[in-house]
């Protein structure tokens, strides 16, 4: 009776991890496509460069939004809202880092049992964001910031 339940739980966990790995591979392929398109910008004509760069930037923003939404759907995470004027934020890198740290630190713990308390054992901590989601989110943020720099480099100086 208990063995079958445990086997079923293990099988469900294996399937869940296989699905996560497939999502990870799909995200990696999308990221490789974005980087390939970024490298193609060097080869395109000057007149097409702003249009292609903005399209690439929009795709990177969409990818980041998709990753964030999947995390929001599974956790209680509420994204930080950017003030209307960026001058109020200060250092944008610090703002993005604070947001990422808040996501990654999200966890829940099981209450400590009497046995654990008496034997000085700590309860198990379970992070709500797994490795794959955290790595994908950080990579998407880095990609977006890199493309922001690329787009800003295309703007004429005032």
C-alpha atoms as a PDB file:
ATOM      1  CA  UNK A   1       0.000   0.000   0.000  1.00  0.00           C
ATOM      2  CA  UNK A   2       2.607   2.551   1.038  1.00  0.00           C
ATOM      3  CA  UNK A   3       5.110   1.333  -1.519  1.00  0.00           C
ATOM      4  CA  UNK A   4       2.702   1.947  -4.396  1.00  0.00           C
ATOM      5  CA  UNK A   5       1.956   5.452  -3.169  1.00  0.00           C
ATOM      6  CA  UNK A   6       5.651   6.255  -2.866  1.00  0.00           C
ATOM      7  CA  UNK A   7       6.343   4.817  -6.336  1.00  0.00           C
ATOM      8  CA  UNK A   8       3.520   6.924  -7.752  1.00  0.00           C
ATOM      9  CA  UNK A   9       4.917  10.058  -6.072  1.00  0.00           C
ATOM     10  CA  UNK A  10       8.392   9.349  -7.448  1.00  0.00           C
ATOM     11  CA  UNK A  11       6.988   8.782 -10.916  1.00  0.00           C
ATOM     12  CA  UNK A  12       5.071  12.081 -10.745  1.00  0.00           C
ATOM     13  CA  UNK A  13       8.226  13.869  -9.590  1.00  0.00           C
ATOM     14  CA  UNK A  14      10.246  12.340 -12.449  1.00  0.00           C
ATOM     15  CA  UNK A  15       7.613  13.477 -14.958  1.00  0.00           C
ATOM     16  CA  UNK A  16       7.553  16.967 -13.460  1.00  0.00           C
ATOM     17  CA  UNK A  17      11.334  17.256 -13.655  1.00  0.00           C
ATOM     18  CA  UNK A  18      11.337  15.935 -17.248  1.00  0.00           C
ATOM     19  CA  UNK A  19       8.771  18.604 -18.174  1.00  0.00           C
ATOM     20  CA  UNK A  20      10.943  21.260 -16.485  1.00  0.00           C
ATOM     21  CA  UNK A  21      13.974  20.114 -18.448  1.00  0.00           C
ATOM     22  CA  UNK A  22      11.987  20.264 -21.698  1.00  0.00           C
ATOM     23  CA  UNK A  23      10.891  23.813 -20.847  1.00  0.00           C
ATOM     24  CA  UNK A  24      14.510  24.670 -20.075  1.00  0.00           C
ATOM     25  CA  UNK A  25      15.668  23.351 -23.462  1.00  0.00           C
ATOM     26  CA  UNK A  26      12.892  25.305 -25.219  1.00  0.00           C
ATOM     27  CA  UNK A  27      13.905  28.487 -23.370  1.00  0.00           C
ATOM     28  CA  UNK A  28      17.537  27.896 -24.318  1.00  0.00           C
ATOM     29  CA  UNK A  29      16.560  27.555 -27.978  1.00  0.00           C
ATOM     30  CA  UNK A  30      14.593  30.831 -27.823  1.00  0.00           C
ATOM     31  CA  UNK A  31      17.559  32.555 -26.185  1.00  0.00           C
ATOM     32  CA  UNK A  32      19.931  31.229 -28.829  1.00  0.00           C
ATOM     33  CA  UNK A  33      17.588  32.591 -31.503  1.00  0.00           C
ATOM     34  CA  UNK A  34      17.606  36.035 -29.857  1.00  0.00           C
ATOM     35  CA  UNK A  35      21.409  36.059 -29.694  1.00  0.00           C
ATOM     36  CA  UNK A  36      21.646  34.884 -33.308  1.00  0.00           C
ATOM     37  CA  UNK A  37      19.404  37.764 -34.351  1.00  0.00           C
ATOM     38  CA  UNK A  38      21.494  40.187 -32.268  1.00  0.00           C
ATOM     39  CA  UNK A  39      24.639  39.089 -34.118  1.00  0.00           C
ATOM     40  CA  UNK A  40      22.838  39.497 -37.452  1.00  0.00           C
ATOM     41  CA  UNK A  41      22.336  43.171 -36.605  1.00  0.00           C
ATOM     42  CA  UNK A  42      26.027  43.716 -37.353  1.00  0.00           C
ATOM     43  CA  UNK A  43      25.473  42.488 -40.912  1.00  0.00           C
ATOM     44  CA  UNK A  44      22.260  44.364 -41.730  1.00  0.00           C
ATOM     45  CA  UNK A  45      22.016  47.621 -43.607  1.00  0.00           C
ATOM     46  CA  UNK A  46      22.097  50.872 -41.647  1.00  0.00           C
ATOM     47  CA  UNK A  47      18.565  51.800 -42.722  1.00  0.00           C
ATOM     48  CA  UNK A  48      17.103  48.520 -41.369  1.00  0.00           C
ATOM     49  CA  UNK A  49      19.096  48.553 -38.127  1.00  0.00           C
ATOM     50  CA  UNK A  50      16.709  50.569 -35.878  1.00  0.00           C
ATOM     51  CA  UNK A  51      13.650  48.595 -36.983  1.00  0.00           C
ATOM     52  CA  UNK A  52      15.357  45.225 -36.484  1.00  0.00           C
ATOM     53  CA  UNK A  53      16.829  46.259 -33.127  1.00  0.00           C
ATOM     54  CA  UNK A  54      13.452  47.391 -31.812  1.00  0.00           C
ATOM     55  CA  UNK A  55      11.808  44.158 -33.007  1.00  0.00           C
ATOM     56  CA  UNK A  56      14.520  42.167 -31.246  1.00  0.00           C
ATOM     57  CA  UNK A  57      14.080  44.239 -28.093  1.00  0.00           C
ATOM     58  CA  UNK A  58      10.305  43.663 -28.129  1.00  0.00           C
ATOM     59  CA  UNK A  59      10.856  39.914 -28.492  1.00  0.00           C
ATOM     60  CA  UNK A  60      13.280  39.940 -25.539  1.00  0.00           C
ATOM     61  CA  UNK A  61      10.745  41.871 -23.447  1.00  0.00           C
ATOM     62  CA  UNK A  62       8.059  39.362 -24.413  1.00  0.00           C
ATOM     63  CA  UNK A  63      10.322  36.487 -23.382  1.00  0.00           C
ATOM     64  CA  UNK A  64      11.051  38.116 -20.030  1.00  0.00           C
ATOM     65  CA  UNK A  65       7.353  38.784 -19.476  1.00  0.00           C
ATOM     66  CA  UNK A  66       6.527  35.156 -20.272  1.00  0.00           C
ATOM     67  CA  UNK A  67       9.069  33.876 -17.746  1.00  0.00           C
ATOM     68  CA  UNK A  68       7.875  36.321 -15.079  1.00  0.00           C
ATOM     69  CA  UNK A  69       4.240  35.370 -15.672  1.00  0.00           C
ATOM     70  CA  UNK A  70       4.997  31.670 -15.284  1.00  0.00           C
ATOM     71  CA  UNK A  71       6.669  32.422 -11.951  1.00  0.00           C
ATOM     72  CA  UNK A  72       3.799  34.659 -10.825  1.00  0.00           C
ATOM     73  CA  UNK A  73       1.315  31.909 -11.681  1.00  0.00           C
ATOM     74  CA  UNK A  74       3.090  29.409  -9.414  1.00  0.00           C
ATOM     75  CA  UNK A  75       3.979  31.666  -6.488  1.00  0.00           C
ATOM     76  CA  UNK A  76       2.698  34.570  -4.436  1.00  0.00           C
ATOM     77  CA  UNK A  77       5.287  36.874  -6.002  1.00  0.00           C
ATOM     78  CA  UNK A  78       4.139  40.405  -6.800  1.00  0.00           C
ATOM     79  CA  UNK A  79       6.492  42.212  -9.195  1.00  0.00           C
ATOM     80  CA  UNK A  80       7.910  45.567  -8.181  1.00  0.00           C
ATOM     81  CA  UNK A  81       6.264  48.367 -10.095  1.00  0.00           C
ATOM     82  CA  UNK A  82       8.524  50.842 -11.823  1.00  0.00           C
ATOM     83  CA  UNK A  83       7.781  54.472 -10.942  1.00  0.00           C
ATOM     84  CA  UNK A  84       6.607  56.709 -13.780  1.00  0.00           C
ATOM     85  CA  UNK A  85       9.859  58.659 -13.798  1.00  0.00           C
ATOM     86  CA  UNK A  86      13.034  56.604 -13.893  1.00  0.00           C
ATOM     87  CA  UNK A  87      14.917  59.287 -11.978  1.00  0.00           C
ATOM     88  CA  UNK A  88      13.048  58.179  -8.845  1.00  0.00           C
ATOM     89  CA  UNK A  89      14.458  54.666  -9.165  1.00  0.00           C
ATOM     90  CA  UNK A  90      18.105  55.660  -8.986  1.00  0.00           C
ATOM     91  CA  UNK A  91      20.370  52.858 -10.170  1.00  0.00           C
ATOM     92  CA  UNK A  92      18.350  50.676 -12.539  1.00  0.00           C
ATOM     93  CA  UNK A  93      20.690  47.694 -12.036  1.00  0.00           C
ATOM     94  CA  UNK A  94      20.044  47.763  -8.289  1.00  0.00           C
ATOM     95  CA  UNK A  95      16.310  47.945  -8.914  1.00  0.00           C
ATOM     96  CA  UNK A  96      16.396  44.886 -11.195  1.00  0.00           C
ATOM     97  CA  UNK A  97      18.661  43.003  -8.759  1.00  0.00           C
ATOM     98  CA  UNK A  98      16.307  43.678  -5.833  1.00  0.00           C
ATOM     99  CA  UNK A  99      13.418  42.342  -7.867  1.00  0.00           C
ATOM    100  CA  UNK A 100      15.344  39.176  -8.780  1.00  0.00           C
ATOM    101  CA  UNK A 101      16.468  38.566  -5.206  1.00  0.00           C
ATOM    102  CA  UNK A 102      12.891  38.899  -3.983  1.00  0.00           C
ATOM    103  CA  UNK A 103      11.787  36.257  -6.487  1.00  0.00           C
ATOM    104  CA  UNK A 104      14.597  33.804  -5.782  1.00  0.00           C
ATOM    105  CA  UNK A 105      14.323  34.037  -1.993  1.00  0.00           C
ATOM    106  CA  UNK A 106      10.632  33.097  -2.012  1.00  0.00           C
ATOM    107  CA  UNK A 107      10.271  29.861  -0.049  1.00  0.00           C
ATOM    108  CA  UNK A 108       8.118  28.029   2.456  1.00  0.00           C
ATOM    109  CA  UNK A 109       9.054  25.874   5.407  1.00  0.00           C
ATOM    110  CA  UNK A 110       7.274  23.040   7.053  1.00  0.00           C
ATOM    111  CA  UNK A 111       6.547  23.593  10.748  1.00  0.00           C
ATOM    112  CA  UNK A 112       9.137  22.110  13.035  1.00  0.00           C
ATOM    113  CA  UNK A 113       8.011  18.908  14.683  1.00  0.00           C
ATOM    114  CA  UNK A 114       8.525  18.148  18.356  1.00  0.00           C
ATOM    115  CA  UNK A 115      11.094  15.502  17.440  1.00  0.00           C
ATOM    116  CA  UNK A 116      13.029  18.002  15.298  1.00  0.00           C
ATOM    117  CA  UNK A 117      12.989  20.549  18.113  1.00  0.00           C
ATOM    118  CA  UNK A 118      14.227  18.036  20.669  1.00  0.00           C
ATOM    119  CA  UNK A 119      16.978  16.747  18.392  1.00  0.00           C
ATOM    120  CA  UNK A 120      18.050  20.250  17.211  1.00  0.00           C
ATOM    121  CA  UNK A 121      17.044  19.534  13.617  1.00  0.00           C
ATOM    122  CA  UNK A 122      15.756  22.310  11.437  1.00  0.00           C
ATOM    123  CA  UNK A 123      12.624  21.962   9.333  1.00  0.00           C
ATOM    124  CA  UNK A 124      12.951  21.469   5.590  1.00  0.00           C
ATOM    125  CA  UNK A 125      13.019  24.609   3.456  1.00  0.00           C
ATOM    126  CA  UNK A 126      11.433  24.401   0.010  1.00  0.00           C
ATOM    127  CA  UNK A 127      12.116  27.146  -2.481  1.00  0.00           C
ATOM    128  CA  UNK A 128       9.113  27.937  -4.636  1.00  0.00           C
ATOM    129  CA  UNK A 129      11.273  28.888  -7.632  1.00  0.00           C
ATOM    130  CA  UNK A 130      13.305  25.982  -8.928  1.00  0.00           C
ATOM    131  CA  UNK A 131      16.752  26.181 -10.482  1.00  0.00           C
ATOM    132  CA  UNK A 132      15.547  26.227 -14.078  1.00  0.00           C
ATOM    133  CA  UNK A 133      13.108  29.093 -13.556  1.00  0.00           C
ATOM    134  CA  UNK A 134      15.624  31.172 -11.625  1.00  0.00           C
ATOM    135  CA  UNK A 135      18.344  30.704 -14.243  1.00  0.00           C
ATOM    136  CA  UNK A 136      15.935  31.457 -17.099  1.00  0.00           C
ATOM    137  CA  UNK A 137      14.683  34.600 -15.371  1.00  0.00           C
ATOM    138  CA  UNK A 138      18.176  35.936 -14.691  1.00  0.00           C
ATOM    139  CA  UNK A 139      19.279  35.175 -18.263  1.00  0.00           C
ATOM    140  CA  UNK A 140      16.189  36.916 -19.686  1.00  0.00           C
ATOM    141  CA  UNK A 141      16.902  40.002 -17.567  1.00  0.00           C
ATOM    142  CA  UNK A 142      20.524  40.097 -18.710  1.00  0.00           C
ATOM    143  CA  UNK A 143      19.430  39.692 -22.334  1.00  0.00           C
ATOM    144  CA  UNK A 144      16.924  42.528 -22.025  1.00  0.00           C
ATOM    145  CA  UNK A 145      19.444  44.875 -20.400  1.00  0.00           C
ATOM    146  CA  UNK A 146      22.010  44.046 -23.081  1.00  0.00           C
ATOM    147  CA  UNK A 147      19.495  44.881 -25.803  1.00  0.00           C
ATOM    148  CA  UNK A 148      18.547  48.116 -24.023  1.00  0.00           C
ATOM    149  CA  UNK A 149      22.201  49.131 -24.323  1.00  0.00           C
ATOM    150  CA  UNK A 150      22.192  48.171 -27.979  1.00  0.00           C
ATOM    151  CA  UNK A 151      19.062  50.229 -28.701  1.00  0.00           C
ATOM    152  CA  UNK A 152      20.410  53.192 -26.725  1.00  0.00           C
ATOM    153  CA  UNK A 153      23.591  53.009 -28.805  1.00  0.00           C
ATOM    154  CA  UNK A 154      21.510  53.385 -31.969  1.00  0.00           C
ATOM    155  CA  UNK A 155      19.832  56.580 -30.792  1.00  0.00           C
ATOM    156  CA  UNK A 156      21.456  59.752 -32.115  1.00  0.00           C
ATOM    157  CA  UNK A 157      23.249  61.932 -29.569  1.00  0.00           C
ATOM    158  CA  UNK A 158      21.484  65.140 -28.571  1.00  0.00           C
END
